PDB file of N, CA and C in Angstrom:
ATOM      1  N   MET A   1      59.221  76.456  84.478  1.00  0.00           N
ATOM      2  CA  MET A   1      59.801  75.910  85.701  1.00  0.00           C
ATOM      3  C   MET A   1      61.281  76.275  85.794  1.00  0.00           C
ATOM      4  N   GLN A   2      61.952  76.301  84.667  1.00  0.00           N
ATOM      5  CA  GLN A   2      63.383  76.633  84.639  1.00  0.00           C
ATOM      6  C   GLN A   2      63.631  78.002  85.266  1.00  0.00           C
ATOM      7  N   SER A   3      62.810  78.999  84.931  1.00  0.00           N
ATOM      8  CA  SER A   3      63.022  80.347  85.442  1.00  0.00           C
ATOM      9  C   SER A   3      62.802  80.407  86.951  1.00  0.00           C
ATOM     10  N   ASN A   4      61.860  79.630  87.482  1.00  0.00           N
ATOM     11  CA  ASN A   4      61.651  79.586  88.934  1.00  0.00           C
ATOM     12  C   ASN A   4      62.861  79.001  89.637  1.00  0.00           C
ATOM     13  N   THR A   5      63.408  77.943  89.068  1.00  0.00           N
ATOM     14  CA  THR A   5      64.594  77.323  89.641  1.00  0.00           C
ATOM     15  C   THR A   5      65.772  78.286  89.608  1.00  0.00           C
ATOM     16  N   THR A   6      65.930  78.977  88.500  1.00  0.00           N
ATOM     17  CA  THR A   6      67.004  79.956  88.363  1.00  0.00           C
ATOM     18  C   THR A   6      66.826  81.079  89.363  1.00  0.00           C
ATOM     19  N   SER A   7      65.603  81.530  89.570  1.00  0.00           N
ATOM     20  CA  SER A   7      65.326  82.600  90.528  1.00  0.00           C
ATOM     21  C   SER A   7      65.665  82.151  91.948  1.00  0.00           C
ATOM     22  N   ILE A   8      65.301  80.945  92.300  1.00  0.00           N
ATOM     23  CA  ILE A   8      65.584  80.428  93.639  1.00  0.00           C
ATOM     24  C   ILE A   8      67.089  80.331  93.846  1.00  0.00           C
ATOM     25  N   ILE A   9      67.805  79.827  92.864  1.00  0.00           N
ATOM     26  CA  ILE A   9      69.264  79.715  92.964  1.00  0.00           C
ATOM     27  C   ILE A   9      69.887  81.094  93.124  1.00  0.00           C
ATOM     28  N   THR A  10      69.420  82.058  92.344  1.00  0.00           N
ATOM     29  CA  THR A  10      69.949  83.416  92.420  1.00  0.00           C
ATOM     30  C   THR A  10      69.688  84.021  93.793  1.00  0.00           C
ATOM     31  N   ILE A  11      68.504  83.831  94.324  1.00  0.00           N
ATOM     32  CA  ILE A  11      68.165  84.358  95.648  1.00  0.00           C
ATOM     33  C   ILE A  11      69.035  83.707  96.714  1.00  0.00           C
ATOM     34  N   LYS A  12      69.223  82.398  96.633  1.00  0.00           N
ATOM     35  CA  LYS A  12      70.073  81.698  97.599  1.00  0.00           C
ATOM     36  C   LYS A  12      71.502  82.233  97.550  1.00  0.00           C
ATOM     37  N   GLN A  13      72.012  82.478  96.346  1.00  0.00           N
ATOM     38  CA  GLN A  13      73.367  83.014  96.203  1.00  0.00           C
ATOM     39  C   GLN A  13      73.464  84.411  96.802  1.00  0.00           C
ATOM     40  N   GLU A  14      72.458  85.228  96.589  1.00  0.00           N
ATOM     41  CA  GLU A  14      72.450  86.584  97.139  1.00  0.00           C
ATOM     42  C   GLU A  14      72.400  86.571  98.659  1.00  0.00           C
ATOM     43  N   VAL A  15      71.587  85.683  99.226  1.00  0.00           N
ATOM     44  CA  VAL A  15      71.488  85.562 100.679  1.00  0.00           C
ATOM     45  C   VAL A  15      72.823  85.101 101.253  1.00  0.00           C
ATOM     46  N   ARG A  16      73.441  84.121 100.614  1.00  0.00           N
ATOM     47  CA  ARG A  16      74.738  83.623 101.072  1.00  0.00           C
ATOM     48  C   ARG A  16      75.782  84.742 101.032  1.00  0.00           C
ATOM     49  N   LEU A  17      75.788  85.528  99.973  1.00  0.00           N
ATOM     50  CA  LEU A  17      76.720  86.643  99.852  1.00  0.00           C
ATOM     51  C   LEU A  17      76.482  87.677 100.956  1.00  0.00           C
ATOM     52  N   GLN A  18      75.231  87.961 101.264  1.00  0.00           N
ATOM     53  CA  GLN A  18      74.907  88.898 102.340  1.00  0.00           C
ATOM     54  C   GLN A  18      75.379  88.367 103.692  1.00  0.00           C
ATOM     55  N   GLU A  19      75.210  87.066 103.920  1.00  0.00           N
ATOM     56  CA  GLU A  19      75.657  86.457 105.175  1.00  0.00           C
ATOM     57  C   GLU A  19      77.173  86.533 105.296  1.00  0.00           C
ATOM     58  N   TRP A  20      77.879  86.220 104.218  1.00  0.00           N
ATOM     59  CA  TRP A  20      79.340  86.283 104.231  1.00  0.00           C
ATOM     60  C   TRP A  20      79.816  87.709 104.484  1.00  0.00           C
ATOM     61  N   THR A  21      79.154  88.664 103.830  1.00  0.00           N
ATOM     62  CA  THR A  21      79.512  90.067 104.008  1.00  0.00           C
ATOM     63  C   THR A  21      79.347  90.479 105.469  1.00  0.00           C
ATOM     64  N   ALA A  22      78.246  90.081 106.077  1.00  0.00           N
ATOM     65  CA  ALA A  22      77.994  90.407 107.484  1.00  0.00           C
ATOM     66  C   ALA A  22      79.040  89.763 108.382  1.00  0.00           C
ATOM     67  N   GLN A  23      79.424  88.526 108.090  1.00  0.00           N
ATOM     68  CA  GLN A  23      80.431  87.843 108.904  1.00  0.00           C
ATOM     69  C   GLN A  23      81.796  88.514 108.763  1.00  0.00           C
ATOM     70  N   ILE A  24      82.156  88.895 107.558  1.00  0.00           N
ATOM     71  CA  ILE A  24      83.440  89.556 107.338  1.00  0.00           C
ATOM     72  C   ILE A  24      83.461  90.895 108.067  1.00  0.00           C
ATOM     73  N   GLU A  25      82.374  91.645 107.966  1.00  0.00           N
ATOM     74  CA  GLU A  25      82.301  92.930 108.657  1.00  0.00           C
ATOM     75  C   GLU A  25      82.380  92.754 110.170  1.00  0.00           C
ATOM     76  N   ALA A  26      81.720  91.729 110.692  1.00  0.00           N
ATOM     77  CA  ALA A  26      81.749  91.462 112.126  1.00  0.00           C
ATOM     78  C   ALA A  26      83.162  91.099 112.580  1.00  0.00           C
ATOM     79  N   GLN A  27      83.851  90.298 111.783  1.00  0.00           N
ATOM     80  CA  GLN A  27      85.225  89.920 112.133  1.00  0.00           C
ATOM     81  C   GLN A  27      86.119  91.145 112.138  1.00  0.00           C
ATOM     82  N   GLN A  28      86.005  91.975 111.128  1.00  0.00           N
ATOM     83  CA  GLN A  28      86.853  93.161 111.042  1.00  0.00           C
ATOM     84  C   GLN A  28      86.565  94.130 112.187  1.00  0.00           C
ATOM     85  N   ALA A  29      85.313  94.278 112.557  1.00  0.00           N
ATOM     86  CA  ALA A  29      84.939  95.187 113.638  1.00  0.00           C
ATOM     87  C   ALA A  29      85.359  94.646 115.009  1.00  0.00           C
ATOM     88  N   SER A  30      85.530  93.325 115.106  1.00  0.00           N
ATOM     89  CA  SER A  30      85.852  92.712 116.396  1.00  0.00           C
ATOM     90  C   SER A  30      87.280  92.984 116.840  1.00  0.00           C
ATOM     91  N   GLY A  31      88.163  93.241 115.895  1.00  0.00           N
ATOM     92  CA  GLY A  31      89.571  93.424 116.234  1.00  0.00           C
ATOM     93  C   GLY A  31      90.311  92.106 116.428  1.00  0.00           C
ATOM     94  N   LEU A  32      89.610  90.990 116.281  1.00  0.00           N
ATOM     95  CA  LEU A  32      90.228  89.672 116.419  1.00  0.00           C
ATOM     96  C   LEU A  32      90.839  89.258 115.088  1.00  0.00           C
ATOM     97  N   THR A  33      91.800  88.347 115.165  1.00  0.00           N
ATOM     98  CA  THR A  33      92.325  87.778 113.934  1.00  0.00           C
ATOM     99  C   THR A  33      91.222  86.923 113.305  1.00  0.00           C
ATOM    100  N   ILE A  34      91.389  86.637 112.035  1.00  0.00           N
ATOM    101  CA  ILE A  34      90.397  85.817 111.340  1.00  0.00           C
ATOM    102  C   ILE A  34      90.277  84.457 112.022  1.00  0.00           C
ATOM    103  N   ARG A  35      91.417  83.839 112.306  1.00  0.00           N
ATOM    104  CA  ARG A  35      91.388  82.509 112.936  1.00  0.00           C
ATOM    105  C   ARG A  35      90.679  82.534 114.288  1.00  0.00           C
ATOM    106  N   LYS A  36      91.004  83.527 115.119  1.00  0.00           N
ATOM    107  CA  LYS A  36      90.401  83.599 116.451  1.00  0.00           C
ATOM    108  C   LYS A  36      88.899  83.870 116.348  1.00  0.00           C
ATOM    109  N   TRP A  37      88.510  84.801 115.474  1.00  0.00           N
ATOM    110  CA  TRP A  37      87.096  85.112 115.318  1.00  0.00           C
ATOM    111  C   TRP A  37      86.332  83.885 114.830  1.00  0.00           C
ATOM    112  N   CYS A  38      86.891  83.203 113.838  1.00  0.00           N
ATOM    113  CA  CYS A  38      86.239  82.005 113.311  1.00  0.00           C
ATOM    114  C   CYS A  38      86.088  80.939 114.391  1.00  0.00           C
ATOM    115  N   LYS A  39      87.138  80.739 115.167  1.00  0.00           N
ATOM    116  CA  LYS A  39      87.092  79.729 116.228  1.00  0.00           C
ATOM    117  C   LYS A  39      85.998  80.070 117.237  1.00  0.00           C
ATOM    118  N   GLU A  40      85.916  81.345 117.617  1.00  0.00           N
ATOM    119  CA  GLU A  40      84.909  81.766 118.590  1.00  0.00           C
ATOM    120  C   GLU A  40      83.489  81.681 118.040  1.00  0.00           C
ATOM    121  N   ASN A  41      83.366  81.702 116.727  1.00  0.00           N
ATOM    122  CA  ASN A  41      82.048  81.674 116.099  1.00  0.00           C
ATOM    123  C   ASN A  41      81.729  80.350 115.429  1.00  0.00           C
ATOM    124  N   GLY A  42      82.577  79.356 115.650  1.00  0.00           N
ATOM    125  CA  GLY A  42      82.318  78.018 115.128  1.00  0.00           C
ATOM    126  C   GLY A  42      82.354  77.924 113.615  1.00  0.00           C
ATOM    127  N   ILE A  43      83.243  78.716 112.993  1.00  0.00           N
ATOM    128  CA  ILE A  43      83.356  78.725 111.542  1.00  0.00           C
ATOM    129  C   ILE A  43      84.755  78.256 111.154  1.00  0.00           C
ATOM    130  N   LYS A  44      84.832  77.387 110.165  1.00  0.00           N
ATOM    131  CA  LYS A  44      86.137  76.949 109.674  1.00  0.00           C
ATOM    132  C   LYS A  44      86.744  78.082 108.861  1.00  0.00           C
ATOM    133  N   PRO A  45      87.969  78.504 109.162  1.00  0.00           N
ATOM    134  CA  PRO A  45      88.580  79.634 108.458  1.00  0.00           C
ATOM    135  C   PRO A  45      88.670  79.437 106.939  1.00  0.00           C
ATOM    136  N   ASN A  46      88.773  78.220 106.486  1.00  0.00           N
ATOM    137  CA  ASN A  46      88.886  77.967 105.048  1.00  0.00           C
ATOM    138  C   ASN A  46      87.577  78.178 104.296  1.00  0.00           C
ATOM    139  N   THR A  47      86.473  78.264 105.034  1.00  0.00           N
ATOM    140  CA  THR A  47      85.200  78.496 104.354  1.00  0.00           C
ATOM    141  C   THR A  47      85.008  79.968 104.134  1.00  0.00           C
TER     142      THR A  47
END
């Protein structure tokens, strides 16, 4: 059971990293400042 839990945690971390990467790329491609992009997308800049 431990290995299944570890696998799920690892997959969740990988998915989160992929989502963050996509958001960072979208912000950079938008030409907006981080604060403005985050505000327009409902994301707190500190996250």
